[in-house]
Protein backbone atom coordinates (compact mmCIF):
# COMPACT_ATOMS: atom_id res chain seq x y z
CA MET A 1 126.99 88.60 121.05
CA HIS A 2 123.49 87.26 120.96
CA LYS A 3 122.80 83.70 119.93
CA ASN A 4 121.66 84.95 116.49
CA GLY A 5 125.14 86.33 115.79
CA ASN A 6 124.28 90.01 116.07
CA SER A 7 125.94 92.31 118.54
CA GLN A 8 123.62 93.71 121.17
CA GLY A 9 121.33 96.47 119.99
CA GLN A 10 121.02 95.21 116.42
CA PRO A 11 117.72 93.51 115.63
CA SER A 12 117.73 90.20 113.80
CA PHE A 13 116.55 89.91 110.21
CA SER A 14 113.34 88.18 111.31
CA ASN A 15 112.56 91.01 113.77
CA VAL A 16 113.11 93.66 111.10
CA LEU A 17 110.99 91.72 108.63
CA ALA A 18 108.18 91.30 111.16
CA ARG A 19 108.20 95.03 111.95
CA ARG A 20 108.10 95.94 108.24
CA GLN A 21 105.22 93.54 107.60
CA ASP A 22 103.34 95.00 110.56
CA ALA A 23 103.94 98.55 109.29
CA ALA A 24 102.74 97.55 105.80
CA SER A 25 99.58 95.99 107.25
CA GLN A 26 98.86 99.13 109.27
CA PHE A 27 99.37 101.27 106.15
CA ILE A 28 96.94 99.15 104.13
CA VAL A 29 94.33 99.34 106.89
CA ALA A 30 94.79 103.13 107.08
CA GLN A 31 94.28 103.39 103.33
CA ALA A 32 91.15 101.27 103.47
CA VAL A 33 89.52 103.55 106.03
CA SER A 34 90.89 106.80 104.62
CA ALA A 35 88.34 109.12 103.02
CA LYS A 36 90.21 109.08 99.72
CA TRP A 37 89.73 105.31 99.39
CA THR A 38 85.98 105.38 99.90
CA THR A 39 83.34 105.33 97.21
CA LEU A 40 82.38 108.67 95.68
CA PRO A 41 78.71 109.62 95.25
CA GLY A 42 77.47 108.37 91.88
CA SER A 43 80.12 105.70 91.39
CA ARG A 44 79.26 102.04 90.99
CA PRO A 45 82.26 100.07 92.27
CA VAL A 46 83.18 97.09 90.12
CA ARG A 47 85.44 94.07 90.47
CA LEU A 48 88.52 93.67 88.30
CA ALA A 49 86.72 91.20 86.02
CA GLN A 50 83.95 93.77 85.42
CA LEU A 51 86.31 96.69 84.70
CA ARG A 52 85.92 97.93 81.11
CA GLY A 53 88.22 100.19 79.13
CA ASP A 54 86.13 103.29 79.70
CA MET A 55 85.88 102.88 83.50
CA CYS A 56 87.82 104.66 86.25
CA ARG A 57 90.55 102.47 87.73
CA TRP A 58 90.67 104.16 91.15
CA PRO A 59 91.10 101.40 93.77
CA ILE A 60 88.56 101.18 96.58
CA GLY A 61 89.41 99.15 99.65
CA ASP A 62 92.20 96.77 100.54
CA PRO A 63 93.53 94.70 97.62
CA GLN A 64 94.33 91.89 100.05
CA GLN A 65 90.60 91.59 100.81
CA PHE A 66 89.71 90.22 97.37
CA ASP A 67 85.97 89.84 98.04
CA ALA A 68 85.60 93.50 99.07
CA PHE A 69 88.18 95.17 96.77
CA ARG A 70 86.70 97.21 93.92
CA PHE A 71 87.47 99.93 91.38
CA CYS A 72 85.49 103.17 91.03
CA GLY A 73 83.78 102.21 87.76
CA CYS A 74 82.69 105.77 86.79
CA ARG A 75 83.30 106.89 83.24
CA ARG A 76 86.96 107.87 82.98
CA LEU A 77 88.36 110.81 81.08
CA LEU A 78 89.66 110.10 77.59
CA GLY A 79 93.37 109.35 77.84
CA ASP A 80 93.33 109.09 81.65
CA SER A 81 93.03 106.21 84.08
CA TYR A 82 90.62 108.02 86.42
CA CYS A 83 87.33 109.85 86.38
CA ALA A 84 87.42 113.65 86.87
CA ALA A 85 86.90 113.45 90.65
CA HIS A 86 89.62 110.86 91.21
CA LYS A 87 92.02 112.62 88.85
CA LYS A 88 91.79 115.69 91.11
CA MET A 89 92.66 113.48 94.08
CA ALA A 90 95.48 111.65 92.30
CA PHE A 91 97.57 114.54 91.08
CA ALA A 92 98.86 117.52 93.01
CA PRO A 93 98.33 120.88 91.32
CA VAL A 94 101.33 122.25 89.48
CA LYS A 95 103.08 124.89 91.54
CA ALA A 96 104.07 128.15 89.91
CA ALA A 97 107.79 128.45 89.27
CA ARG A 98 109.57 130.51 91.88
CA SER A 99 111.35 133.53 90.60
CA ILE A 100 114.95 133.83 91.63
CA PRO A 101 116.01 137.36 92.49
CA VAL A 102 118.84 138.64 90.35
CA ALA A 103 121.65 140.49 92.11
CA ARG A 104 122.30 143.91 90.62
């Protein structure tokens, strides 16, 4: 047994936690530089305090970087949270139902 009480080969809680935090940080950085998290042409990114009811709520940037984090700010579609361009990015198209062959 290791001094932390685990048998060999099993990571300690602190090691697992550190690895998960590192993975989460890498994911956030990847999102921040991903093309889908960048500003679209014609949008005017706004801070949370500037976000009005008729504005697109698509996040731009890393929420942990408060000074740089923004929302799209374009006019959103009635009844939706996003503008037309971001709605296309947010939802996958509905796939046609597969037909199941019937045995005869």
